[in-house]
Amino acid sequence: MSACSFKRKPGRRDYVNTEALFWAETFSKMPMGPKTLLLFLARKGDNYGCSYYKQEDLADNLGCSPRSVQGYLRSLKNYGLVRIIGRCDTQKQISNVYHVIGW
């Protein structure tokens, strides 16, 4: 038996929505911050373009502050590229759904 008999199962972390990612890369006139967020949401979204992240997690992944993520999300919402859907679980807010609606 080998030293490492653990086989990694393909799952959610391995999934990349390449169709949405290629679509998001076509925006060349967009500022870098919102474009980086759009690329991240497109890459990590499901087949419908939905991503489930807390703003703090988005900030950690992008290497910026949660306040910057709020501004980037506002910009993407104003461009008409992202829809933000709030979610609650027993009167406590949990992660939002970020729906990339353009592609």
PDB file of N, CA and C in Angstrom:
ATOM      1  N   MET A   1       0.835  -1.172   0.000  1.00  0.00           N
ATOM      2  CA  MET A   1       0.000   0.000   0.000  1.00  0.00           C
ATOM      3  C   MET A   1       0.884   1.240   0.000  1.00  0.00           C
ATOM      4  N   SER A   2       0.492   2.247  -0.750  1.00  0.00           N
ATOM      5  CA  SER A   2       1.297   3.460  -0.828  1.00  0.00           C
ATOM      6  C   SER A   2       1.163   4.289   0.445  1.00  0.00           C
ATOM      7  N   ALA A   3       2.084   5.197   0.609  1.00  0.00           N
ATOM      8  CA  ALA A   3       2.076   6.038   1.808  1.00  0.00           C
ATOM      9  C   ALA A   3       0.868   6.958   1.832  1.00  0.00           C
ATOM     10  N   CYS A   4       0.383   7.331   0.672  1.00  0.00           N
ATOM     11  CA  CYS A   4      -0.767   8.230   0.610  1.00  0.00           C
ATOM     12  C   CYS A   4      -1.867   7.536  -0.184  1.00  0.00           C
ATOM     13  N   SER A   5      -2.760   6.893   0.516  1.00  0.00           N
ATOM     14  CA  SER A   5      -3.850   6.193  -0.159  1.00  0.00           C
ATOM     15  C   SER A   5      -5.089   7.060  -0.300  1.00  0.00           C
ATOM     16  N   PHE A   6      -4.993   8.313   0.143  1.00  0.00           N
ATOM     17  CA  PHE A   6      -6.114   9.238   0.057  1.00  0.00           C
ATOM     18  C   PHE A   6      -6.254   9.745  -1.373  1.00  0.00           C
ATOM     19  N   LYS A   7      -7.433   9.607  -1.939  1.00  0.00           N
ATOM     20  CA  LYS A   7      -7.703  10.147  -3.262  1.00  0.00           C
ATOM     21  C   LYS A   7      -8.633  11.330  -3.116  1.00  0.00           C
ATOM     22  N   ARG A   8      -8.236  12.428  -3.695  1.00  0.00           N
ATOM     23  CA  ARG A   8      -9.050  13.630  -3.621  1.00  0.00           C
ATOM     24  C   ARG A   8     -10.224  13.510  -4.573  1.00  0.00           C
ATOM     25  N   LYS A   9     -11.399  13.711  -4.053  1.00  0.00           N
ATOM     26  CA  LYS A   9     -12.599  13.666  -4.873  1.00  0.00           C
ATOM     27  C   LYS A   9     -12.803  15.014  -5.552  1.00  0.00           C
ATOM     28  N   PRO A  10     -13.149  15.004  -6.827  1.00  0.00           N
ATOM     29  CA  PRO A  10     -13.439  16.291  -7.468  1.00  0.00           C
ATOM     30  C   PRO A  10     -14.705  16.865  -6.867  1.00  0.00           C
ATOM     31  N   GLY A  11     -14.664  18.122  -6.564  1.00  0.00           N
ATOM     32  CA  GLY A  11     -15.819  18.737  -5.923  1.00  0.00           C
ATOM     33  C   GLY A  11     -15.964  20.181  -6.329  1.00  0.00           C
ATOM     34  N   ARG A  12     -16.611  20.938  -5.516  1.00  0.00           N
ATOM     35  CA  ARG A  12     -16.927  22.322  -5.793  1.00  0.00           C
ATOM     36  C   ARG A  12     -15.671  23.172  -5.983  1.00  0.00           C
ATOM     37  N   ARG A  13     -14.619  22.905  -5.258  1.00  0.00           N
ATOM     38  CA  ARG A  13     -13.416  23.728  -5.368  1.00  0.00           C
ATOM     39  C   ARG A  13     -12.715  23.543  -6.701  1.00  0.00           C
ATOM     40  N   ASP A  14     -12.903  22.410  -7.338  1.00  0.00           N
ATOM     41  CA  ASP A  14     -12.243  22.142  -8.610  1.00  0.00           C
ATOM     42  C   ASP A  14     -13.010  22.720  -9.799  1.00  0.00           C
ATOM     43  N   TYR A  15     -14.247  23.116  -9.587  1.00  0.00           N
ATOM     44  CA  TYR A  15     -15.091  23.567 -10.676  1.00  0.00           C
ATOM     45  C   TYR A  15     -14.736  24.996 -11.080  1.00  0.00           C
ATOM     46  N   VAL A  16     -14.593  25.224 -12.370  1.00  0.00           N
ATOM     47  CA  VAL A  16     -14.379  26.560 -12.913  1.00  0.00           C
ATOM     48  C   VAL A  16     -15.364  26.750 -14.052  1.00  0.00           C
ATOM     49  N   ASN A  17     -16.138  27.806 -13.988  1.00  0.00           N
ATOM     50  CA  ASN A  17     -17.106  28.120 -15.035  1.00  0.00           C
ATOM     51  C   ASN A  17     -16.370  28.864 -16.147  1.00  0.00           C
ATOM     52  N   THR A  18     -15.794  28.119 -17.070  1.00  0.00           N
ATOM     53  CA  THR A  18     -14.954  28.717 -18.109  1.00  0.00           C
ATOM     54  C   THR A  18     -15.747  29.599 -19.068  1.00  0.00           C
ATOM     55  N   GLU A  19     -16.978  29.237 -19.342  1.00  0.00           N
ATOM     56  CA  GLU A  19     -17.794  30.043 -20.256  1.00  0.00           C
ATOM     57  C   GLU A  19     -18.004  31.451 -19.692  1.00  0.00           C
ATOM     58  N   ALA A  20     -18.355  31.545 -18.427  1.00  0.00           N
ATOM     59  CA  ALA A  20     -18.549  32.849 -17.788  1.00  0.00           C
ATOM     60  C   ALA A  20     -17.217  33.578 -17.631  1.00  0.00           C
ATOM     61  N   LEU A  21     -16.147  32.847 -17.375  1.00  0.00           N
ATOM     62  CA  LEU A  21     -14.835  33.464 -17.222  1.00  0.00           C
ATOM     63  C   LEU A  21     -14.384  34.106 -18.529  1.00  0.00           C
ATOM     64  N   PHE A  22     -14.541  33.414 -19.647  1.00  0.00           N
ATOM     65  CA  PHE A  22     -14.169  33.989 -20.942  1.00  0.00           C
ATOM     66  C   PHE A  22     -15.016  35.213 -21.260  1.00  0.00           C
ATOM     67  N   TRP A  23     -16.301  35.167 -20.880  1.00  0.00           N
ATOM     68  CA  TRP A  23     -17.178  36.319 -21.087  1.00  0.00           C
ATOM     69  C   TRP A  23     -16.681  37.515 -20.279  1.00  0.00           C
ATOM     70  N   ALA A  24     -16.328  37.295 -19.017  1.00  0.00           N
ATOM     71  CA  ALA A  24     -15.894  38.384 -18.136  1.00  0.00           C
ATOM     72  C   ALA A  24     -14.576  38.990 -18.598  1.00  0.00           C
ATOM     73  N   GLU A  25     -13.734  38.213 -19.244  1.00  0.00           N
ATOM     74  CA  GLU A  25     -12.449  38.722 -19.713  1.00  0.00           C
ATOM     75  C   GLU A  25     -12.590  39.695 -20.882  1.00  0.00           C
ATOM     76  N   THR A  26     -13.761  39.774 -21.500  1.00  0.00           N
ATOM     77  CA  THR A  26     -13.952  40.653 -22.649  1.00  0.00           C
ATOM     78  C   THR A  26     -14.104  42.120 -22.257  1.00  0.00           C
ATOM     79  N   PHE A  27     -14.301  42.424 -20.975  1.00  0.00           N
ATOM     80  CA  PHE A  27     -14.471  43.801 -20.538  1.00  0.00           C
ATOM     81  C   PHE A  27     -13.102  44.450 -20.354  1.00  0.00           C
ATOM     82  N   SER A  28     -12.728  45.316 -21.282  1.00  0.00           N
ATOM     83  CA  SER A  28     -11.403  45.930 -21.223  1.00  0.00           C
ATOM     84  C   SER A  28     -11.448  47.354 -20.673  1.00  0.00           C
ATOM     85  N   LYS A  29     -12.567  48.016 -20.706  1.00  0.00           N
ATOM     86  CA  LYS A  29     -12.670  49.412 -20.277  1.00  0.00           C
ATOM     87  C   LYS A  29     -13.082  49.553 -18.814  1.00  0.00           C
ATOM     88  N   MET A  30     -13.162  48.469 -18.080  1.00  0.00           N
ATOM     89  CA  MET A  30     -13.608  48.498 -16.695  1.00  0.00           C
ATOM     90  C   MET A  30     -12.408  48.714 -15.768  1.00  0.00           C
ATOM     91  N   PRO A  31     -12.582  49.477 -14.661  1.00  0.00           N
ATOM     92  CA  PRO A  31     -11.483  49.627 -13.694  1.00  0.00           C
ATOM     93  C   PRO A  31     -11.037  48.280 -13.135  1.00  0.00           C
ATOM     94  N   MET A  32      -9.794  48.214 -12.688  1.00  0.00           N
ATOM     95  CA  MET A  32      -9.184  46.949 -12.282  1.00  0.00           C
ATOM     96  C   MET A  32      -9.893  46.287 -11.097  1.00  0.00           C
ATOM     97  N   GLY A  33     -10.292  47.043 -10.083  1.00  0.00           N
ATOM     98  CA  GLY A  33     -10.927  46.452  -8.902  1.00  0.00           C
ATOM     99  C   GLY A  33     -12.226  45.717  -9.225  1.00  0.00           C
ATOM    100  N   PRO A  34     -13.198  46.413  -9.834  1.00  0.00           N
ATOM    101  CA  PRO A  34     -14.432  45.713 -10.195  1.00  0.00           C
ATOM    102  C   PRO A  34     -14.215  44.573 -11.192  1.00  0.00           C
ATOM    103  N   LYS A  35     -13.273  44.746 -12.111  1.00  0.00           N
ATOM    104  CA  LYS A  35     -13.010  43.678 -13.087  1.00  0.00           C
ATOM    105  C   LYS A  35     -12.445  42.442 -12.404  1.00  0.00           C
ATOM    106  N   THR A  36     -11.557  42.631 -11.429  1.00  0.00           N
ATOM    107  CA  THR A  36     -11.001  41.501 -10.695  1.00  0.00           C
ATOM    108  C   THR A  36     -12.096  40.757  -9.947  1.00  0.00           C
ATOM    109  N   LEU A  37     -13.002  41.501  -9.330  1.00  0.00           N
ATOM    110  CA  LEU A  37     -14.125  40.871  -8.624  1.00  0.00           C
ATOM    111  C   LEU A  37     -15.035  40.139  -9.603  1.00  0.00           C
ATOM    112  N   LEU A  38     -15.314  40.749 -10.752  1.00  0.00           N
ATOM    113  CA  LEU A  38     -16.158  40.097 -11.758  1.00  0.00           C
ATOM    114  C   LEU A  38     -15.518  38.801 -12.253  1.00  0.00           C
ATOM    115  N   LEU A  39     -14.226  38.822 -12.495  1.00  0.00           N
ATOM    116  CA  LEU A  39     -13.530  37.606 -12.926  1.00  0.00           C
ATOM    117  C   LEU A  39     -13.601  36.522 -11.860  1.00  0.00           C
ATOM    118  N   PHE A  40     -13.434  36.907 -10.597  1.00  0.00           N
ATOM    119  CA  PHE A  40     -13.502  35.936  -9.506  1.00  0.00           C
ATOM    120  C   PHE A  40     -14.903  35.330  -9.402  1.00  0.00           C
ATOM    121  N   LEU A  41     -15.939  36.186  -9.439  1.00  0.00           N
ATOM    122  CA  LEU A  41     -17.314  35.678  -9.334  1.00  0.00           C
ATOM    123  C   LEU A  41     -17.679  34.814 -10.535  1.00  0.00           C
ATOM    124  N   ALA A  42     -17.214  35.193 -11.717  1.00  0.00           N
ATOM    125  CA  ALA A  42     -17.502  34.394 -12.912  1.00  0.00           C
ATOM    126  C   ALA A  42     -16.810  33.038 -12.841  1.00  0.00           C
ATOM    127  N   ARG A  43     -15.572  33.039 -12.360  1.00  0.00           N
ATOM    128  CA  ARG A  43     -14.815  31.781 -12.285  1.00  0.00           C
ATOM    129  C   ARG A  43     -15.395  30.843 -11.239  1.00  0.00           C
ATOM    130  N   LYS A  44     -15.842  31.372 -10.120  1.00  0.00           N
ATOM    131  CA  LYS A  44     -16.320  30.544  -9.019  1.00  0.00           C
ATOM    132  C   LYS A  44     -17.825  30.310  -9.041  1.00  0.00           C
ATOM    133  N   GLY A  45     -18.527  30.872 -10.002  1.00  0.00           N
ATOM    134  CA  GLY A  45     -19.977  30.716 -10.072  1.00  0.00           C
ATOM    135  C   GLY A  45     -20.387  29.346 -10.570  1.00  0.00           C
ATOM    136  N   ASP A  46     -21.639  29.001 -10.300  1.00  0.00           N
ATOM    137  CA  ASP A  46     -22.167  27.727 -10.787  1.00  0.00           C
ATOM    138  C   ASP A  46     -22.634  27.892 -12.235  1.00  0.00           C
ATOM    139  N   ASN A  47     -23.364  26.931 -12.749  1.00  0.00           N
ATOM    140  CA  ASN A  47     -23.817  26.972 -14.139  1.00  0.00           C
ATOM    141  C   ASN A  47     -24.768  28.125 -14.424  1.00  0.00           C
ATOM    142  N   TYR A  48     -25.376  28.684 -13.388  1.00  0.00           N
ATOM    143  CA  TYR A  48     -26.317  29.792 -13.546  1.00  0.00           C
ATOM    144  C   TYR A  48     -25.673  31.138 -13.243  1.00  0.00           C
ATOM    145  N   GLY A  49     -24.397  31.141 -12.896  1.00  0.00           N
ATOM    146  CA  GLY A  49     -23.699  32.373 -12.600  1.00  0.00           C
ATOM    147  C   GLY A  49     -23.829  32.831 -11.163  1.00  0.00           C
ATOM    148  N   CYS A  50     -24.230  31.945 -10.250  1.00  0.00           N
ATOM    149  CA  CYS A  50     -24.424  32.303  -8.845  1.00  0.00           C
ATOM    150  C   CYS A  50     -23.221  31.882  -8.005  1.00  0.00           C
ATOM    151  N   SER A  51     -22.793  32.798  -7.127  1.00  0.00           N
ATOM    152  CA  SER A  51     -21.708  32.528  -6.184  1.00  0.00           C
ATOM    153  C   SER A  51     -22.211  32.841  -4.782  1.00  0.00           C
ATOM    154  N   TYR A  52     -21.775  32.070  -3.811  1.00  0.00           N
ATOM    155  CA  TYR A  52     -22.217  32.222  -2.427  1.00  0.00           C
ATOM    156  C   TYR A  52     -21.003  32.544  -1.567  1.00  0.00           C
ATOM    157  N   TYR A  53     -20.780  33.822  -1.300  1.00  0.00           N
ATOM    158  CA  TYR A  53     -19.613  34.248  -0.531  1.00  0.00           C
ATOM    159  C   TYR A  53     -20.004  35.347   0.441  1.00  0.00           C
ATOM    160  N   LYS A  54     -19.305  35.390   1.577  1.00  0.00           N
ATOM    161  CA  LYS A  54     -19.390  36.534   2.466  1.00  0.00           C
ATOM    162  C   LYS A  54     -18.441  37.592   1.924  1.00  0.00           C
ATOM    163  N   GLN A  55     -18.738  38.853   2.201  1.00  0.00           N
ATOM    164  CA  GLN A  55     -17.875  39.918   1.698  1.00  0.00           C
ATOM    165  C   GLN A  55     -16.477  39.829   2.284  1.00  0.00           C
ATOM    166  N   GLU A  56     -16.362  39.345   3.514  1.00  0.00           N
ATOM    167  CA  GLU A  56     -15.043  39.175   4.116  1.00  0.00           C
ATOM    168  C   GLU A  56     -14.227  38.121   3.366  1.00  0.00           C
ATOM    169  N   ASP A  57     -14.900  37.045   2.945  1.00  0.00           N
ATOM    170  CA  ASP A  57     -14.205  36.005   2.176  1.00  0.00           C
ATOM    171  C   ASP A  57     -13.782  36.516   0.799  1.00  0.00           C
ATOM    172  N   LEU A  58     -14.644  37.324   0.170  1.00  0.00           N
ATOM    173  CA  LEU A  58     -14.268  37.924  -1.111  1.00  0.00           C
ATOM    174  C   LEU A  58     -13.051  38.820  -0.937  1.00  0.00           C
ATOM    175  N   ALA A  59     -13.051  39.602   0.147  1.00  0.00           N
ATOM    176  CA  ALA A  59     -11.916  40.493   0.403  1.00  0.00           C
ATOM    177  C   ALA A  59     -10.635  39.701   0.616  1.00  0.00           C
ATOM    178  N   ASP A  60     -10.713  38.594   1.348  1.00  0.00           N
ATOM    179  CA  ASP A  60      -9.525  37.759   1.559  1.00  0.00           C
ATOM    180  C   ASP A  60      -9.010  37.183   0.245  1.00  0.00           C
ATOM    181  N   ASN A  61      -9.921  36.731  -0.608  1.00  0.00           N
ATOM    182  CA  ASN A  61      -9.516  36.148  -1.884  1.00  0.00           C
ATOM    183  C   ASN A  61      -8.933  37.182  -2.841  1.00  0.00           C
ATOM    184  N   LEU A  62      -9.431  38.420  -2.773  1.00  0.00           N
ATOM    185  CA  LEU A  62      -8.947  39.461  -3.676  1.00  0.00           C
ATOM    186  C   LEU A  62      -7.765  40.232  -3.107  1.00  0.00           C
ATOM    187  N   GLY A  63      -7.519  40.100  -1.806  1.00  0.00           N
ATOM    188  CA  GLY A  63      -6.421  40.818  -1.183  1.00  0.00           C
ATOM    189  C   GLY A  63      -6.718  42.280  -0.950  1.00  0.00           C
ATOM    190  N   CYS A  64      -7.969  42.589  -0.611  1.00  0.00           N
ATOM    191  CA  CYS A  64      -8.337  43.973  -0.346  1.00  0.00           C
ATOM    192  C   CYS A  64      -9.237  44.014   0.894  1.00  0.00           C
ATOM    193  N   SER A  65      -9.762  45.172   1.214  1.00  0.00           N
ATOM    194  CA  SER A  65     -10.611  45.309   2.394  1.00  0.00           C
ATOM    195  C   SER A  65     -12.072  45.015   2.042  1.00  0.00           C
ATOM    196  N   PRO A  66     -12.881  44.639   3.042  1.00  0.00           N
ATOM    197  CA  PRO A  66     -14.315  44.428   2.784  1.00  0.00           C
ATOM    198  C   PRO A  66     -15.003  45.691   2.268  1.00  0.00           C
ATOM    199  N   ARG A  67     -14.516  46.850   2.698  1.00  0.00           N
ATOM    200  CA  ARG A  67     -15.083  48.110   2.223  1.00  0.00           C
ATOM    201  C   ARG A  67     -14.829  48.298   0.719  1.00  0.00           C
ATOM    202  N   SER A  68     -13.663  47.897   0.259  1.00  0.00           N
ATOM    203  CA  SER A  68     -13.364  47.962  -1.179  1.00  0.00           C
ATOM    204  C   SER A  68     -14.274  47.024  -1.956  1.00  0.00           C
ATOM    205  N   VAL A  69     -14.517  45.827  -1.407  1.00  0.00           N
ATOM    206  CA  VAL A  69     -15.410  44.869  -2.062  1.00  0.00           C
ATOM    207  C   VAL A  69     -16.803  45.458  -2.190  1.00  0.00           C
ATOM    208  N   GLN A  70     -17.268  46.173  -1.171  1.00  0.00           N
ATOM    209  CA  GLN A  70     -18.586  46.809  -1.251  1.00  0.00           C
ATOM    210  C   GLN A  70     -18.649  47.805  -2.401  1.00  0.00           C
ATOM    211  N   GLY A  71     -17.586  48.593  -2.559  1.00  0.00           N
ATOM    212  CA  GLY A  71     -17.535  49.546  -3.670  1.00  0.00           C
ATOM    213  C   GLY A  71     -17.489  48.860  -5.023  1.00  0.00           C
ATOM    214  N   TYR A  72     -16.710  47.791  -5.113  1.00  0.00           N
ATOM    215  CA  TYR A  72     -16.638  47.041  -6.371  1.00  0.00           C
ATOM    216  C   TYR A  72     -17.989  46.430  -6.720  1.00  0.00           C
ATOM    217  N   LEU A  73     -18.664  45.881  -5.712  1.00  0.00           N
ATOM    218  CA  LEU A  73     -19.994  45.298  -5.948  1.00  0.00           C
ATOM    219  C   LEU A  73     -20.987  46.364  -6.400  1.00  0.00           C
ATOM    220  N   ARG A  74     -20.890  47.538  -5.797  1.00  0.00           N
ATOM    221  CA  ARG A  74     -21.774  48.641  -6.186  1.00  0.00           C
ATOM    222  C   ARG A  74     -21.523  49.016  -7.645  1.00  0.00           C
ATOM    223  N   SER A  75     -20.261  49.053  -8.046  1.00  0.00           N
ATOM    224  CA  SER A  75     -19.925  49.371  -9.442  1.00  0.00           C
ATOM    225  C   SER A  75     -20.475  48.318 -10.397  1.00  0.00           C
ATOM    226  N   LEU A  76     -20.284  47.052 -10.062  1.00  0.00           N
ATOM    227  CA  LEU A  76     -20.779  45.979 -10.924  1.00  0.00           C
ATOM    228  C   LEU A  76     -22.302  45.986 -11.008  1.00  0.00           C
ATOM    229  N   LYS A  77     -22.938  46.333  -9.893  1.00  0.00           N
ATOM    230  CA  LYS A  77     -24.403  46.430  -9.892  1.00  0.00           C
ATOM    231  C   LYS A  77     -24.857  47.589 -10.776  1.00  0.00           C
ATOM    232  N   ASN A  78     -24.137  48.729 -10.724  1.00  0.00           N
ATOM    233  CA  ASN A  78     -24.479  49.876 -11.566  1.00  0.00           C
ATOM    234  C   ASN A  78     -24.246  49.593 -13.048  1.00  0.00           C
ATOM    235  N   TYR A  79     -23.245  48.777 -13.367  1.00  0.00           N
ATOM    236  CA  TYR A  79     -23.012  48.373 -14.756  1.00  0.00           C
ATOM    237  C   TYR A  79     -24.089  47.402 -15.245  1.00  0.00           C
ATOM    238  N   GLY A  80     -24.848  46.823 -14.317  1.00  0.00           N
ATOM    239  CA  GLY A  80     -25.868  45.845 -14.692  1.00  0.00           C
ATOM    240  C   GLY A  80     -25.309  44.453 -14.908  1.00  0.00           C
ATOM    241  N   LEU A  81     -24.178  44.145 -14.282  1.00  0.00           N
ATOM    242  CA  LEU A  81     -23.520  42.856 -14.491  1.00  0.00           C
ATOM    243  C   LEU A  81     -23.757  41.874 -13.351  1.00  0.00           C
ATOM    244  N   VAL A  82     -24.068  42.380 -12.166  1.00  0.00           N
ATOM    245  CA  VAL A  82     -24.219  41.520 -10.994  1.00  0.00           C
ATOM    246  C   VAL A  82     -25.493  41.911 -10.245  1.00  0.00           C
ATOM    247  N   ARG A  83     -26.204  40.903  -9.797  1.00  0.00           N
ATOM    248  CA  ARG A  83     -27.373  41.104  -8.937  1.00  0.00           C
ATOM    249  C   ARG A  83     -27.037  40.508  -7.586  1.00  0.00           C
ATOM    250  N   ILE A  84     -27.326  41.254  -6.511  1.00  0.00           N
ATOM    251  CA  ILE A  84     -27.017  40.813  -5.155  1.00  0.00           C
ATOM    252  C   ILE A  84     -28.316  40.390  -4.477  1.00  0.00           C
ATOM    253  N   ILE A  85     -28.338  39.158  -3.998  1.00  0.00           N
ATOM    254  CA  ILE A  85     -29.515  38.606  -3.346  1.00  0.00           C
ATOM    255  C   ILE A  85     -29.132  38.255  -1.915  1.00  0.00           C
ATOM    256  N   GLY A  86     -29.772  38.895  -0.937  1.00  0.00           N
ATOM    257  CA  GLY A  86     -29.491  38.620   0.462  1.00  0.00           C
ATOM    258  C   GLY A  86     -30.157  37.326   0.908  1.00  0.00           C
ATOM    259  N   ARG A  87     -29.504  36.614   1.821  1.00  0.00           N
ATOM    260  CA  ARG A  87     -30.060  35.378   2.363  1.00  0.00           C
ATOM    261  C   ARG A  87     -30.075  35.462   3.882  1.00  0.00           C
ATOM    262  N   CYS A  88     -31.092  34.872   4.482  1.00  0.00           N
ATOM    263  CA  CYS A  88     -31.206  34.843   5.939  1.00  0.00           C
ATOM    264  C   CYS A  88     -31.494  33.419   6.395  1.00  0.00           C
ATOM    265  N   ASP A  89     -31.014  33.105   7.588  1.00  0.00           N
ATOM    266  CA  ASP A  89     -31.272  31.806   8.202  1.00  0.00           C
ATOM    267  C   ASP A  89     -31.683  32.066   9.644  1.00  0.00           C
ATOM    268  N   THR A  90     -32.937  31.860   9.939  1.00  0.00           N
ATOM    269  CA  THR A  90     -33.517  32.108  11.268  1.00  0.00           C
ATOM    270  C   THR A  90     -33.129  33.491  11.788  1.00  0.00           C
ATOM    271  N   GLN A  91     -33.475  34.496  11.049  1.00  0.00           N
ATOM    272  CA  GLN A  91     -33.289  35.906  11.380  1.00  0.00           C
ATOM    273  C   GLN A  91     -31.831  36.315  11.540  1.00  0.00           C
ATOM    274  N   LYS A  92     -30.934  35.566  10.956  1.00  0.00           N
ATOM    275  CA  LYS A  92     -29.511  35.905  10.976  1.00  0.00           C
ATOM    276  C   LYS A  92     -29.031  35.903   9.529  1.00  0.00           C
ATOM    277  N   GLN A  93     -28.397  36.995   9.118  1.00  0.00           N
ATOM    278  CA  GLN A  93     -27.930  37.061   7.740  1.00  0.00           C
ATOM    279  C   GLN A  93     -26.739  36.145   7.534  1.00  0.00           C
ATOM    280  N   ILE A  94     -26.787  35.398   6.436  1.00  0.00           N
ATOM    281  CA  ILE A  94     -25.660  34.560   6.034  1.00  0.00           C
ATOM    282  C   ILE A  94     -25.134  35.107   4.709  1.00  0.00           C
ATOM    283  N   SER A  95     -24.292  34.385   4.048  1.00  0.00           N
ATOM    284  CA  SER A  95     -23.660  34.900   2.831  1.00  0.00           C
ATOM    285  C   SER A  95     -24.691  35.282   1.776  1.00  0.00           C
ATOM    286  N   ASN A  96     -24.351  36.297   0.998  1.00  0.00           N
ATOM    287  CA  ASN A  96     -25.205  36.728  -0.095  1.00  0.00           C
ATOM    288  C   ASN A  96     -25.021  35.814  -1.296  1.00  0.00           C
ATOM    289  N   VAL A  97     -25.948  35.929  -2.223  1.00  0.00           N
ATOM    290  CA  VAL A  97     -25.793  35.285  -3.523  1.00  0.00           C
ATOM    291  C   VAL A  97     -25.455  36.381  -4.508  1.00  0.00           C
ATOM    292  N   TYR A  98     -24.356  36.205  -5.212  1.00  0.00           N
ATOM    293  CA  TYR A  98     -23.952  37.157  -6.249  1.00  0.00           C
ATOM    294  C   TYR A  98     -24.201  36.487  -7.593  1.00  0.00           C
ATOM    295  N   HIS A  99     -25.165  37.009  -8.312  1.00  0.00           N
ATOM    296  CA  HIS A  99     -25.592  36.428  -9.575  1.00  0.00           C
ATOM    297  C   HIS A  99     -25.019  37.266 -10.721  1.00  0.00           C
ATOM    298  N   VAL A 100     -24.102  36.685 -11.465  1.00  0.00           N
ATOM    299  CA  VAL A 100     -23.536  37.340 -12.643  1.00  0.00           C
ATOM    300  C   VAL A 100     -24.573  37.199 -13.747  1.00  0.00           C
ATOM    301  N   ILE A 101     -25.227  38.310 -14.090  1.00  0.00           N
ATOM    302  CA  ILE A 101     -26.394  38.230 -14.974  1.00  0.00           C
ATOM    303  C   ILE A 101     -26.104  38.578 -16.415  1.00  0.00           C
ATOM    304  N   GLY A 102     -24.920  39.032 -16.716  1.00  0.00           N
ATOM    305  CA  GLY A 102     -24.634  39.458 -18.072  1.00  0.00           C
ATOM    306  C   GLY A 102     -24.365  38.358 -19.063  1.00  0.00           C
ATOM    307  N   TRP A 103     -23.786  37.271 -18.630  1.00  0.00           N
ATOM    308  CA  TRP A 103     -23.342  36.273 -19.596  1.00  0.00           C
ATOM    309  C   TRP A 103     -24.477  35.358 -19.932  1.00  0.00           C
TER     310      TRP A 103
END
